[in-house]
N, C-alpha and C. Protein backbone atom coordinates (compact mmCIF):
# COMPACT_ATOMS: atom_id res chain seq x y z
N UNK A 1 0.84 -1.18 0.00
CA UNK A 1 0.00 0.00 0.00
C UNK A 1 0.88 1.24 0.00
N UNK A 2 0.56 2.21 -0.83
CA UNK A 2 1.37 3.42 -0.96
C UNK A 2 1.13 4.37 0.19
N UNK A 3 2.17 5.07 0.58
CA UNK A 3 2.06 6.11 1.58
C UNK A 3 1.37 7.32 0.98
N UNK A 4 0.76 8.15 1.81
CA UNK A 4 0.10 9.35 1.32
C UNK A 4 1.10 10.43 0.92
N UNK A 5 2.19 10.51 1.67
CA UNK A 5 3.22 11.51 1.43
C UNK A 5 4.59 10.84 1.38
N UNK A 6 5.43 11.28 0.47
CA UNK A 6 6.81 10.79 0.41
C UNK A 6 7.72 12.00 0.28
N UNK A 7 8.72 12.06 1.16
CA UNK A 7 9.69 13.13 1.11
C UNK A 7 10.73 12.83 0.05
N UNK A 8 10.95 13.78 -0.84
CA UNK A 8 11.91 13.62 -1.93
C UNK A 8 13.15 14.46 -1.61
N UNK A 9 14.30 13.82 -1.66
CA UNK A 9 15.55 14.50 -1.34
C UNK A 9 16.14 15.15 -2.59
N UNK A 10 17.08 16.02 -2.38
CA UNK A 10 17.73 16.79 -3.44
C UNK A 10 18.28 15.90 -4.55
N UNK A 11 18.95 14.82 -4.19
CA UNK A 11 19.59 13.99 -5.21
C UNK A 11 18.57 13.39 -6.18
N UNK A 12 17.36 13.14 -5.73
CA UNK A 12 16.32 12.60 -6.62
C UNK A 12 15.90 13.67 -7.63
N UNK A 13 15.69 14.89 -7.14
CA UNK A 13 15.29 15.98 -8.05
C UNK A 13 16.38 16.30 -9.06
N UNK A 14 17.62 16.31 -8.61
CA UNK A 14 18.73 16.59 -9.53
C UNK A 14 18.83 15.49 -10.57
N UNK A 15 18.78 14.25 -10.14
CA UNK A 15 18.87 13.14 -11.09
C UNK A 15 17.73 13.18 -12.10
N UNK A 16 16.53 13.52 -11.66
CA UNK A 16 15.39 13.60 -12.57
C UNK A 16 15.49 14.80 -13.51
N UNK A 17 16.23 15.81 -13.11
CA UNK A 17 16.34 17.04 -13.90
C UNK A 17 17.45 17.02 -14.94
N UNK A 18 18.41 16.14 -14.77
CA UNK A 18 19.58 16.10 -15.65
C UNK A 18 19.55 14.81 -16.46
N UNK A 19 19.21 14.91 -17.73
CA UNK A 19 19.06 13.71 -18.55
C UNK A 19 20.31 12.84 -18.59
N UNK A 20 21.50 13.42 -18.52
CA UNK A 20 22.73 12.66 -18.57
C UNK A 20 23.15 12.05 -17.25
N UNK A 21 22.41 12.33 -16.19
CA UNK A 21 22.74 11.79 -14.86
C UNK A 21 22.57 10.27 -14.89
N UNK A 22 23.50 9.53 -14.28
CA UNK A 22 23.40 8.06 -14.31
C UNK A 22 22.11 7.51 -13.69
N UNK A 23 21.48 8.27 -12.82
CA UNK A 23 20.25 7.82 -12.17
C UNK A 23 19.00 8.49 -12.71
N UNK A 24 19.13 9.14 -13.86
CA UNK A 24 17.98 9.87 -14.42
C UNK A 24 16.77 8.96 -14.61
N UNK A 25 16.95 7.83 -15.25
CA UNK A 25 15.82 6.93 -15.54
C UNK A 25 15.18 6.41 -14.26
N UNK A 26 16.00 6.08 -13.27
CA UNK A 26 15.47 5.57 -12.00
C UNK A 26 14.69 6.66 -11.28
N UNK A 27 15.24 7.87 -11.24
CA UNK A 27 14.58 8.97 -10.54
C UNK A 27 13.26 9.34 -11.22
N UNK A 28 13.25 9.41 -12.54
CA UNK A 28 12.01 9.77 -13.22
C UNK A 28 10.97 8.67 -13.08
N UNK A 29 11.41 7.41 -13.12
CA UNK A 29 10.47 6.30 -12.94
C UNK A 29 9.86 6.34 -11.53
N UNK A 30 10.69 6.62 -10.54
CA UNK A 30 10.20 6.72 -9.16
C UNK A 30 9.16 7.83 -9.04
N UNK A 31 9.48 9.02 -9.54
CA UNK A 31 8.54 10.14 -9.42
C UNK A 31 7.26 9.88 -10.21
N UNK A 32 7.37 9.27 -11.37
CA UNK A 32 6.18 8.93 -12.15
C UNK A 32 5.32 7.90 -11.41
N UNK A 33 5.97 6.91 -10.81
CA UNK A 33 5.23 5.88 -10.09
C UNK A 33 4.50 6.47 -8.89
N UNK A 34 5.15 7.37 -8.18
CA UNK A 34 4.50 8.02 -7.04
C UNK A 34 3.27 8.80 -7.51
N UNK A 35 3.43 9.54 -8.61
CA UNK A 35 2.31 10.31 -9.14
C UNK A 35 1.18 9.39 -9.60
N UNK A 36 1.52 8.29 -10.26
CA UNK A 36 0.52 7.33 -10.72
C UNK A 36 -0.26 6.72 -9.56
N UNK A 37 0.41 6.55 -8.43
CA UNK A 37 -0.22 5.97 -7.24
C UNK A 37 -1.02 7.01 -6.45
N UNK A 38 -0.92 8.27 -6.86
CA UNK A 38 -1.61 9.33 -6.13
C UNK A 38 -0.88 9.74 -4.87
N UNK A 39 0.38 9.36 -4.76
CA UNK A 39 1.19 9.72 -3.61
C UNK A 39 1.72 11.13 -3.80
N UNK A 40 1.62 11.94 -2.78
CA UNK A 40 2.10 13.30 -2.85
C UNK A 40 3.60 13.35 -2.56
N UNK A 41 4.35 13.85 -3.52
CA UNK A 41 5.79 14.05 -3.33
C UNK A 41 5.97 15.37 -2.59
N UNK A 42 6.82 15.34 -1.57
CA UNK A 42 7.05 16.53 -0.75
C UNK A 42 8.54 16.87 -0.73
N UNK A 43 8.83 18.14 -0.70
CA UNK A 43 10.19 18.63 -0.51
C UNK A 43 10.15 19.70 0.57
N UNK A 44 11.30 19.99 1.12
CA UNK A 44 11.40 21.07 2.11
C UNK A 44 12.04 22.28 1.44
N UNK A 45 11.96 23.40 2.13
CA UNK A 45 12.63 24.61 1.63
C UNK A 45 14.13 24.36 1.53
N UNK A 46 14.67 23.56 2.45
CA UNK A 46 16.10 23.23 2.41
C UNK A 46 16.44 22.45 1.15
N UNK A 47 15.60 21.53 0.75
CA UNK A 47 15.83 20.78 -0.49
C UNK A 47 15.83 21.75 -1.67
N UNK A 48 14.92 22.71 -1.67
CA UNK A 48 14.87 23.70 -2.75
C UNK A 48 16.17 24.51 -2.81
N UNK A 49 16.66 24.91 -1.64
CA UNK A 49 17.93 25.67 -1.60
C UNK A 49 19.09 24.81 -2.08
N UNK A 50 19.14 23.56 -1.63
CA UNK A 50 20.21 22.65 -2.05
C UNK A 50 20.15 22.41 -3.56
N UNK A 51 18.95 22.23 -4.09
CA UNK A 51 18.77 22.00 -5.52
C UNK A 51 19.37 23.15 -6.32
N UNK A 52 19.06 24.38 -5.92
CA UNK A 52 19.63 25.55 -6.61
C UNK A 52 21.15 25.59 -6.48
N UNK A 53 21.64 25.29 -5.30
CA UNK A 53 23.09 25.31 -5.08
C UNK A 53 23.79 24.28 -5.96
N UNK A 54 23.23 23.09 -6.03
CA UNK A 54 23.85 22.02 -6.82
C UNK A 54 23.81 22.36 -8.30
N UNK A 55 22.65 22.80 -8.79
CA UNK A 55 22.53 23.09 -10.23
C UNK A 55 23.41 24.25 -10.66
N UNK A 56 23.59 25.24 -9.82
CA UNK A 56 24.36 26.42 -10.23
C UNK A 56 25.85 26.32 -9.89
N UNK A 57 26.23 25.30 -9.14
CA UNK A 57 27.64 25.16 -8.70
C UNK A 57 28.57 24.81 -9.85
N UNK A 58 28.14 23.99 -10.75
CA UNK A 58 29.02 23.59 -11.84
C UNK A 58 28.37 22.51 -12.67
N UNK A 59 29.04 22.08 -13.69
CA UNK A 59 28.45 21.06 -14.56
C UNK A 59 28.12 19.77 -13.80
N UNK A 60 26.99 19.20 -14.15
CA UNK A 60 26.57 17.89 -13.63
C UNK A 60 26.48 16.98 -14.84
N UNK A 61 27.34 16.00 -14.87
CA UNK A 61 27.39 15.08 -16.02
C UNK A 61 27.49 15.86 -17.33
N UNK A 62 28.30 16.91 -17.31
CA UNK A 62 28.53 17.71 -18.52
C UNK A 62 27.48 18.76 -18.80
N UNK A 63 26.48 18.87 -17.94
CA UNK A 63 25.37 19.82 -18.16
C UNK A 63 25.50 20.97 -17.18
N UNK A 64 25.56 22.22 -17.70
CA UNK A 64 25.64 23.41 -16.85
C UNK A 64 24.29 24.11 -16.82
N UNK A 65 23.96 24.67 -15.68
CA UNK A 65 22.71 25.41 -15.50
C UNK A 65 23.03 26.82 -15.03
N UNK A 66 22.42 27.81 -15.63
CA UNK A 66 22.51 29.18 -15.15
C UNK A 66 21.48 29.40 -14.05
N UNK A 67 21.55 30.54 -13.40
CA UNK A 67 20.63 30.85 -12.30
C UNK A 67 19.19 30.88 -12.79
N UNK A 68 18.93 31.59 -13.88
CA UNK A 68 17.55 31.69 -14.38
C UNK A 68 16.98 30.33 -14.74
N UNK A 69 17.75 29.53 -15.44
CA UNK A 69 17.29 28.20 -15.82
C UNK A 69 17.05 27.34 -14.58
N UNK A 70 17.95 27.42 -13.61
CA UNK A 70 17.80 26.65 -12.38
C UNK A 70 16.53 27.04 -11.64
N UNK A 71 16.25 28.34 -11.59
CA UNK A 71 15.03 28.82 -10.94
C UNK A 71 13.79 28.32 -11.68
N UNK A 72 13.85 28.28 -12.99
CA UNK A 72 12.72 27.78 -13.78
C UNK A 72 12.47 26.30 -13.52
N UNK A 73 13.55 25.52 -13.47
CA UNK A 73 13.42 24.09 -13.20
C UNK A 73 12.88 23.88 -11.78
N UNK A 74 13.41 24.64 -10.82
CA UNK A 74 12.93 24.54 -9.44
C UNK A 74 11.45 24.88 -9.36
N UNK A 75 11.02 25.89 -10.08
CA UNK A 75 9.61 26.27 -10.08
C UNK A 75 8.75 25.09 -10.53
N UNK A 76 9.22 24.36 -11.52
CA UNK A 76 8.49 23.17 -11.96
C UNK A 76 8.36 22.13 -10.86
N UNK A 77 9.45 21.90 -10.13
CA UNK A 77 9.40 20.93 -9.05
C UNK A 77 8.52 21.42 -7.90
N UNK A 78 8.56 22.72 -7.63
CA UNK A 78 7.72 23.27 -6.56
C UNK A 78 6.25 23.18 -6.93
N UNK A 79 5.94 23.16 -8.21
CA UNK A 79 4.56 22.95 -8.66
C UNK A 79 4.18 21.48 -8.54
N UNK A 80 5.12 20.60 -8.86
CA UNK A 80 4.85 19.16 -8.85
C UNK A 80 4.82 18.57 -7.44
N UNK A 81 5.48 19.22 -6.49
CA UNK A 81 5.60 18.69 -5.13
C UNK A 81 4.99 19.67 -4.13
N UNK A 82 4.61 19.14 -2.98
CA UNK A 82 4.24 20.01 -1.86
C UNK A 82 5.53 20.48 -1.21
N UNK A 83 5.63 21.77 -0.95
CA UNK A 83 6.80 22.31 -0.27
C UNK A 83 6.45 22.43 1.21
N UNK A 84 7.13 21.64 2.03
CA UNK A 84 6.84 21.59 3.45
C UNK A 84 7.61 22.65 4.22
N UNK A 85 7.01 23.09 5.27
CA UNK A 85 7.69 23.99 6.20
C UNK A 85 8.78 23.18 6.88
N UNK A 86 9.98 23.71 6.91
CA UNK A 86 11.06 22.97 7.57
C UNK A 86 11.55 23.70 8.81
N UNK A 87 10.62 24.37 9.48
CA UNK A 87 10.97 25.05 10.72
C UNK A 87 11.20 24.02 11.82
N UNK A 88 11.62 24.50 12.97
CA UNK A 88 11.92 23.62 14.09
C UNK A 88 10.77 22.71 14.48
N UNK A 89 9.53 23.15 14.27
CA UNK A 89 8.38 22.36 14.68
C UNK A 89 8.21 21.09 13.84
N UNK A 90 8.57 21.13 12.57
CA UNK A 90 8.36 19.97 11.71
C UNK A 90 9.66 19.25 11.34
N UNK A 91 10.79 19.83 11.67
CA UNK A 91 12.07 19.22 11.31
C UNK A 91 12.21 17.79 11.81
N UNK A 92 11.85 17.47 13.06
CA UNK A 92 11.98 16.07 13.50
C UNK A 92 11.19 15.10 12.62
N UNK A 93 10.00 15.49 12.18
CA UNK A 93 9.20 14.63 11.30
C UNK A 93 9.88 14.43 9.96
N UNK A 94 10.46 15.50 9.41
CA UNK A 94 11.16 15.38 8.14
C UNK A 94 12.36 14.45 8.27
N UNK A 95 13.07 14.54 9.37
CA UNK A 95 14.23 13.69 9.58
C UNK A 95 13.84 12.23 9.69
N UNK A 96 12.75 11.93 10.38
CA UNK A 96 12.27 10.57 10.49
C UNK A 96 11.85 10.05 9.12
N UNK A 97 11.13 10.90 8.37
CA UNK A 97 10.69 10.52 7.03
C UNK A 97 11.88 10.21 6.14
N UNK A 98 12.89 11.06 6.13
CA UNK A 98 14.08 10.86 5.30
C UNK A 98 14.82 9.60 5.72
N UNK A 99 14.92 9.35 7.01
CA UNK A 99 15.60 8.15 7.49
C UNK A 99 14.87 6.90 7.04
N UNK A 100 13.55 6.90 7.13
CA UNK A 100 12.76 5.75 6.70
C UNK A 100 12.99 5.45 5.22
N UNK A 101 13.00 6.48 4.40
CA UNK A 101 13.17 6.29 2.96
C UNK A 101 14.59 5.80 2.66
N UNK A 102 15.58 6.46 3.24
CA UNK A 102 16.96 6.11 2.91
C UNK A 102 17.33 4.71 3.40
N UNK A 103 16.61 4.22 4.40
CA UNK A 103 16.87 2.87 4.90
C UNK A 103 15.93 1.86 4.27
N UNK A 104 15.17 2.29 3.25
CA UNK A 104 14.31 1.37 2.51
C UNK A 104 13.07 0.94 3.25
N UNK A 105 12.61 1.73 4.23
CA UNK A 105 11.43 1.33 5.00
C UNK A 105 10.15 1.96 4.48
N UNK A 106 10.17 2.55 3.33
CA UNK A 106 8.96 3.18 2.79
C UNK A 106 8.49 2.37 1.60
N UNK A 107 7.34 1.72 1.73
CA UNK A 107 6.81 0.86 0.68
C UNK A 107 6.56 1.60 -0.62
N UNK A 108 6.22 2.87 -0.56
CA UNK A 108 5.92 3.61 -1.78
C UNK A 108 7.17 3.82 -2.61
N UNK A 109 8.30 3.84 -1.99
CA UNK A 109 9.54 4.12 -2.70
C UNK A 109 10.26 2.83 -3.06
N UNK A 110 10.37 1.92 -2.13
CA UNK A 110 11.00 0.64 -2.41
C UNK A 110 12.47 0.77 -2.75
N UNK A 111 12.96 -0.19 -3.50
CA UNK A 111 14.39 -0.26 -3.80
C UNK A 111 14.83 0.81 -4.76
N UNK A 112 13.90 1.39 -5.53
CA UNK A 112 14.31 2.37 -6.53
C UNK A 112 15.07 3.55 -5.92
N UNK A 113 14.64 4.02 -4.77
CA UNK A 113 15.29 5.18 -4.16
C UNK A 113 16.74 4.87 -3.85
N UNK A 114 17.02 3.67 -3.38
CA UNK A 114 18.39 3.34 -3.02
C UNK A 114 19.30 3.23 -4.23
N UNK A 115 18.72 3.12 -5.44
CA UNK A 115 19.52 3.03 -6.66
C UNK A 115 19.94 4.39 -7.19
N UNK A 116 19.40 5.47 -6.64
CA UNK A 116 19.72 6.81 -7.13
C UNK A 116 21.05 7.24 -6.54
N UNK A 117 21.98 7.52 -7.42
CA UNK A 117 23.32 7.90 -6.98
C UNK A 117 23.30 9.32 -6.43
N UNK A 118 24.07 9.58 -5.39
CA UNK A 118 24.17 10.94 -4.87
C UNK A 118 24.72 11.88 -5.94
N UNK A 119 24.32 13.13 -5.83
CA UNK A 119 24.77 14.13 -6.79
C UNK A 119 26.24 14.43 -6.54
N UNK A 120 27.00 14.40 -7.60
CA UNK A 120 28.41 14.76 -7.51
C UNK A 120 28.66 15.82 -8.58
N UNK A 121 29.21 16.96 -8.17
CA UNK A 121 29.47 18.03 -9.12
C UNK A 121 30.94 18.28 -9.20
N UNK A 122 31.67 18.93 -10.24
CA UNK A 122 33.11 19.30 -10.49
C UNK A 122 34.00 18.50 -10.12
N UNK A 123 4.29 16.00 -6.68
CA UNK A 123 3.81 15.11 -7.54
C UNK A 123 2.37 15.13 -7.27
N UNK A 124 2.46 16.29 -7.58
CA UNK A 124 1.06 16.00 -7.32
C UNK A 124 0.42 15.18 -8.44
N UNK A 125 0.79 15.49 -9.63
CA UNK A 125 0.26 14.72 -10.75
C UNK A 125 1.41 14.31 -11.64
N UNK A 126 1.19 13.27 -12.40
CA UNK A 126 2.22 12.84 -13.35
C UNK A 126 2.48 13.97 -14.34
N UNK A 127 1.43 14.70 -14.70
CA UNK A 127 1.59 15.81 -15.64
C UNK A 127 2.52 16.88 -15.06
N UNK A 128 2.39 17.19 -13.77
CA UNK A 128 3.26 18.20 -13.15
C UNK A 128 4.71 17.75 -13.14
N UNK A 129 4.95 16.49 -12.79
CA UNK A 129 6.33 15.98 -12.77
C UNK A 129 6.90 15.96 -14.18
N UNK A 130 6.09 15.53 -15.13
CA UNK A 130 6.55 15.51 -16.52
C UNK A 130 6.82 16.92 -17.00
N UNK A 131 6.01 17.87 -16.60
CA UNK A 131 6.21 19.26 -16.99
C UNK A 131 7.53 19.79 -16.45
N UNK A 132 7.85 19.45 -15.21
CA UNK A 132 9.12 19.90 -14.63
C UNK A 132 10.29 19.34 -15.42
N UNK A 133 10.21 18.06 -15.78
CA UNK A 133 11.29 17.46 -16.57
C UNK A 133 11.35 18.05 -17.97
N UNK A 134 10.19 18.32 -18.56
CA UNK A 134 10.16 18.87 -19.91
C UNK A 134 10.78 20.25 -19.94
N UNK A 135 10.49 21.07 -18.94
CA UNK A 135 11.10 22.41 -18.86
C UNK A 135 12.60 22.30 -18.85
N UNK A 136 13.10 21.37 -18.05
CA UNK A 136 14.54 21.21 -17.92
C UNK A 136 15.13 20.71 -19.23
N UNK A 137 14.51 19.73 -19.83
CA UNK A 137 15.04 19.15 -21.07
C UNK A 137 15.01 20.14 -22.22
N UNK A 138 13.94 20.92 -22.31
CA UNK A 138 13.82 21.86 -23.44
C UNK A 138 14.76 23.04 -23.28
N UNK A 139 15.21 23.30 -22.06
CA UNK A 139 16.13 24.40 -21.84
C UNK A 139 17.57 24.01 -22.18
N UNK A 140 17.79 22.73 -22.37
CA UNK A 140 19.16 22.23 -22.64
C UNK A 140 19.70 22.72 -23.98
């Protein structure tokens, strides 16, 4: 049975956003599957900040992103995902959620999440997730 909410970490968004990333297919399949199941993908404000930092820091698998393009791609993900408050009141819940996923204890994510390689530099609907990826791909 799928969870109602799944926390998505930075490395998943980056992998899904960069077609040349070794985990691109796994990340996009995971996000599509969550959307197909009606599972809400969630990110925190910290994930959004990390995403911008990673994309603008330098080439990822040979792909460089400028600030404007990175902001556009992030906007797509913020539309596709619920952006959670990551203040002190909810931080413990986010940490538990992230630990469960990274240790493979979330049925909605399964083994696919563990196959996504960490980023190394130098959902509400399937349509929203696809739109975020399309924006990124067409900007290439």
